[in-house]
């Protein structure tokens, strides 16, 4: 199994930056996809970015393209979401997700979420 724990959220002014971290543990070698999702007030949870393994292909929600960057550091067993030029509409709870293979099946591991608040 895989476990994930997010950190790095906080309060920031519009135009500012934050870097979210996702600490990975367990059978990290079984992970095939890393993703960040967010749940904004009044909206359903949406995927913000993902990173596929082993190709390292990344995909982004249109509204964050050019502002957010997902990356991984295998040596530190962490995945990051660098968020620049933040906007008030980026406010929400951000979740890390790791898709891994467990008992021959694709399985999701979710973190508890970290709050990001962008003030105007």
C-alpha atoms as a PDB file:
ATOM      1  CA  UNK A   1       0.000   0.000   0.000  1.00  0.00           C
ATOM      2  CA  UNK A   2       0.944   3.652  -0.394  1.00  0.00           C
ATOM      3  CA  UNK A   3       0.339   6.520   2.007  1.00  0.00           C
ATOM      4  CA  UNK A   4       0.453  10.236   1.187  1.00  0.00           C
ATOM      5  CA  UNK A   5       0.561  13.300   3.417  1.00  0.00           C
ATOM      6  CA  UNK A   6       0.231  16.848   2.105  1.00  0.00           C
ATOM      7  CA  UNK A   7       1.775  19.987   3.540  1.00  0.00           C
ATOM      8  CA  UNK A   8       2.584  23.533   2.519  1.00  0.00           C
ATOM      9  CA  UNK A   9      -0.808  25.181   2.346  1.00  0.00           C
ATOM     10  CA  UNK A  10      -1.485  28.592   3.795  1.00  0.00           C
ATOM     11  CA  UNK A  11      -2.717  32.112   3.222  1.00  0.00           C
ATOM     12  CA  UNK A  12      -1.205  34.125   0.400  1.00  0.00           C
ATOM     13  CA  UNK A  13      -2.069  37.306  -1.445  1.00  0.00           C
ATOM     14  CA  UNK A  14      -3.129  37.242  -5.072  1.00  0.00           C
ATOM     15  CA  UNK A  15      -0.077  37.099  -7.309  1.00  0.00           C
ATOM     16  CA  UNK A  16       1.925  35.213  -4.713  1.00  0.00           C
ATOM     17  CA  UNK A  17       3.335  31.692  -4.708  1.00  0.00           C
ATOM     18  CA  UNK A  18       3.086  28.543  -2.636  1.00  0.00           C
ATOM     19  CA  UNK A  19       4.687  25.128  -2.940  1.00  0.00           C
ATOM     20  CA  UNK A  20       2.685  22.149  -1.787  1.00  0.00           C
ATOM     21  CA  UNK A  21       4.474  18.952  -0.838  1.00  0.00           C
ATOM     22  CA  UNK A  22       3.214  15.399  -0.822  1.00  0.00           C
ATOM     23  CA  UNK A  23       5.240  12.948   1.247  1.00  0.00           C
ATOM     24  CA  UNK A  24       5.030   9.374   0.001  1.00  0.00           C
ATOM     25  CA  UNK A  25       5.541   6.177   1.984  1.00  0.00           C
ATOM     26  CA  UNK A  26       4.907   2.488   1.567  1.00  0.00           C
ATOM     27  CA  UNK A  27       5.356   0.668  -1.753  1.00  0.00           C
ATOM     28  CA  UNK A  28       6.379   3.756  -3.717  1.00  0.00           C
ATOM     29  CA  UNK A  29       7.662   1.659  -6.615  1.00  0.00           C
ATOM     30  CA  UNK A  30       4.074   0.623  -7.365  1.00  0.00           C
ATOM     31  CA  UNK A  31       2.942   4.188  -8.104  1.00  0.00           C
ATOM     32  CA  UNK A  32       1.952   4.816 -11.734  1.00  0.00           C
ATOM     33  CA  UNK A  33       0.466   8.282 -11.404  1.00  0.00           C
ATOM     34  CA  UNK A  34       0.740  11.301  -9.126  1.00  0.00           C
ATOM     35  CA  UNK A  35      -1.980  13.918  -9.083  1.00  0.00           C
ATOM     36  CA  UNK A  36      -3.102  17.021  -7.261  1.00  0.00           C
ATOM     37  CA  UNK A  37      -6.770  17.798  -6.862  1.00  0.00           C
ATOM     38  CA  UNK A  38      -8.582  20.687  -5.249  1.00  0.00           C
ATOM     39  CA  UNK A  39     -11.978  21.260  -3.761  1.00  0.00           C
ATOM     40  CA  UNK A  40     -13.053  24.881  -3.888  1.00  0.00           C
ATOM     41  CA  UNK A  41     -16.042  26.314  -2.029  1.00  0.00           C
ATOM     42  CA  UNK A  42     -19.242  25.412  -3.847  1.00  0.00           C
ATOM     43  CA  UNK A  43     -17.469  23.294  -6.441  1.00  0.00           C
ATOM     44  CA  UNK A  44     -16.792  19.632  -6.928  1.00  0.00           C
ATOM     45  CA  UNK A  45     -13.304  18.265  -6.460  1.00  0.00           C
ATOM     46  CA  UNK A  46     -11.283  18.686  -9.658  1.00  0.00           C
ATOM     47  CA  UNK A  47      -7.925  17.464 -10.839  1.00  0.00           C
ATOM     48  CA  UNK A  48      -5.433  20.289 -11.106  1.00  0.00           C
ATOM     49  CA  UNK A  49      -2.404  18.429 -12.418  1.00  0.00           C
ATOM     50  CA  UNK A  50      -1.043  14.952 -12.853  1.00  0.00           C
ATOM     51  CA  UNK A  51       2.224  13.261 -13.644  1.00  0.00           C
ATOM     52  CA  UNK A  52       2.317   9.857 -15.299  1.00  0.00           C
ATOM     53  CA  UNK A  53       5.017   7.262 -14.761  1.00  0.00           C
ATOM     54  CA  UNK A  54       7.280   6.171 -16.320  1.00  0.00           C
ATOM     55  CA  UNK A  55       6.797   8.650 -19.180  1.00  0.00           C
ATOM     56  CA  UNK A  56       6.764  11.649 -16.786  1.00  0.00           C
ATOM     57  CA  UNK A  57       4.031  13.192 -18.929  1.00  0.00           C
ATOM     58  CA  UNK A  58       2.235  16.019 -17.163  1.00  0.00           C
ATOM     59  CA  UNK A  59      -1.235  17.417 -17.650  1.00  0.00           C
ATOM     60  CA  UNK A  60      -2.833  20.543 -16.226  1.00  0.00           C
ATOM     61  CA  UNK A  61      -6.261  22.026 -15.744  1.00  0.00           C
ATOM     62  CA  UNK A  62      -6.628  24.800 -18.321  1.00  0.00           C
ATOM     63  CA  UNK A  63      -7.028  27.492 -15.689  1.00  0.00           C
ATOM     64  CA  UNK A  64      -3.657  26.681 -14.071  1.00  0.00           C
ATOM     65  CA  UNK A  65      -1.548  26.088 -17.175  1.00  0.00           C
ATOM     66  CA  UNK A  66       1.547  28.234 -17.125  1.00  0.00           C
ATOM     67  CA  UNK A  67       1.119  28.973 -13.412  1.00  0.00           C
ATOM     68  CA  UNK A  68       1.325  25.582 -11.671  1.00  0.00           C
ATOM     69  CA  UNK A  69       4.012  22.933 -12.022  1.00  0.00           C
ATOM     70  CA  UNK A  70       3.882  19.348 -10.756  1.00  0.00           C
ATOM     71  CA  UNK A  71       7.177  17.593 -10.113  1.00  0.00           C
ATOM     72  CA  UNK A  72       8.601  14.671  -8.208  1.00  0.00           C
ATOM     73  CA  UNK A  73      11.760  14.032  -6.218  1.00  0.00           C
ATOM     74  CA  UNK A  74      12.355  10.296  -5.943  1.00  0.00           C
ATOM     75  CA  UNK A  75      15.304  10.694  -3.598  1.00  0.00           C
ATOM     76  CA  UNK A  76      13.071  12.495  -1.098  1.00  0.00           C
ATOM     77  CA  UNK A  77       9.935  10.441  -1.880  1.00  0.00           C
ATOM     78  CA  UNK A  78       8.010  13.637  -2.473  1.00  0.00           C
ATOM     79  CA  UNK A  79       5.815  15.188  -5.100  1.00  0.00           C
ATOM     80  CA  UNK A  80       5.384  18.932  -5.344  1.00  0.00           C
ATOM     81  CA  UNK A  81       2.923  21.405  -6.742  1.00  0.00           C
ATOM     82  CA  UNK A  82       4.541  24.771  -7.354  1.00  0.00           C
ATOM     83  CA  UNK A  83       1.825  27.399  -7.611  1.00  0.00           C
ATOM     84  CA  UNK A  84       2.706  30.839  -8.957  1.00  0.00           C
ATOM     85  CA  UNK A  85       0.618  33.880  -9.841  1.00  0.00           C
ATOM     86  CA  UNK A  86      -2.072  32.663  -7.493  1.00  0.00           C
ATOM     87  CA  UNK A  87      -5.612  33.951  -7.893  1.00  0.00           C
ATOM     88  CA  UNK A  88      -8.492  34.083  -5.419  1.00  0.00           C
ATOM     89  CA  UNK A  89     -10.246  31.371  -7.441  1.00  0.00           C
ATOM     90  CA  UNK A  90      -7.368  29.008  -6.627  1.00  0.00           C
ATOM     91  CA  UNK A  91      -8.605  28.942  -3.039  1.00  0.00           C
ATOM     92  CA  UNK A  92      -9.547  25.502  -1.819  1.00  0.00           C
ATOM     93  CA  UNK A  93      -8.417  22.337  -0.136  1.00  0.00           C
ATOM     94  CA  UNK A  94      -5.690  20.645  -2.143  1.00  0.00           C
ATOM     95  CA  UNK A  95      -5.333  16.885  -2.095  1.00  0.00           C
ATOM     96  CA  UNK A  96      -2.508  14.649  -3.212  1.00  0.00           C
ATOM     97  CA  UNK A  97      -3.411  11.380  -4.906  1.00  0.00           C
ATOM     98  CA  UNK A  98      -1.155   8.463  -5.778  1.00  0.00           C
ATOM     99  CA  UNK A  99      -2.450   5.797  -8.131  1.00  0.00           C
ATOM    100  CA  UNK A 100      -0.649   2.552  -7.429  1.00  0.00           C
ATOM    101  CA  UNK A 101      -0.974  -1.126  -8.076  1.00  0.00           C
ATOM    102  CA  UNK A 102      -2.117  -3.120  -5.062  1.00  0.00           C
ATOM    103  CA  UNK A 103      -3.155  -6.760  -5.232  1.00  0.00           C
ATOM    104  CA  UNK A 104      -3.084  -6.479  -9.019  1.00  0.00           C
ATOM    105  CA  UNK A 105      -5.498  -3.541  -9.122  1.00  0.00           C
ATOM    106  CA  UNK A 106      -5.156   0.176  -9.603  1.00  0.00           C
ATOM    107  CA  UNK A 107      -5.743   1.766  -6.207  1.00  0.00           C
ATOM    108  CA  UNK A 108      -5.960   5.392  -5.086  1.00  0.00           C
ATOM    109  CA  UNK A 109      -4.224   6.753  -2.032  1.00  0.00           C
ATOM    110  CA  UNK A 110      -5.456  10.153  -0.898  1.00  0.00           C
ATOM    111  CA  UNK A 111      -4.069  12.550   1.644  1.00  0.00           C
ATOM    112  CA  UNK A 112      -6.061  14.507   4.173  1.00  0.00           C
ATOM    113  CA  UNK A 113      -5.765  17.765   2.231  1.00  0.00           C
ATOM    114  CA  UNK A 114      -4.114  21.096   2.862  1.00  0.00           C
ATOM    115  CA  UNK A 115      -5.923  24.440   2.788  1.00  0.00           C
ATOM    116  CA  UNK A 116      -4.847  27.127   0.335  1.00  0.00           C
ATOM    117  CA  UNK A 117      -6.420  30.549   0.683  1.00  0.00           C
ATOM    118  CA  UNK A 118      -5.659  33.326  -1.788  1.00  0.00           C
ATOM    119  CA  UNK A 119      -6.768  36.800  -0.751  1.00  0.00           C
ATOM    120  CA  UNK A 120      -7.554  39.531  -3.249  1.00  0.00           C
END
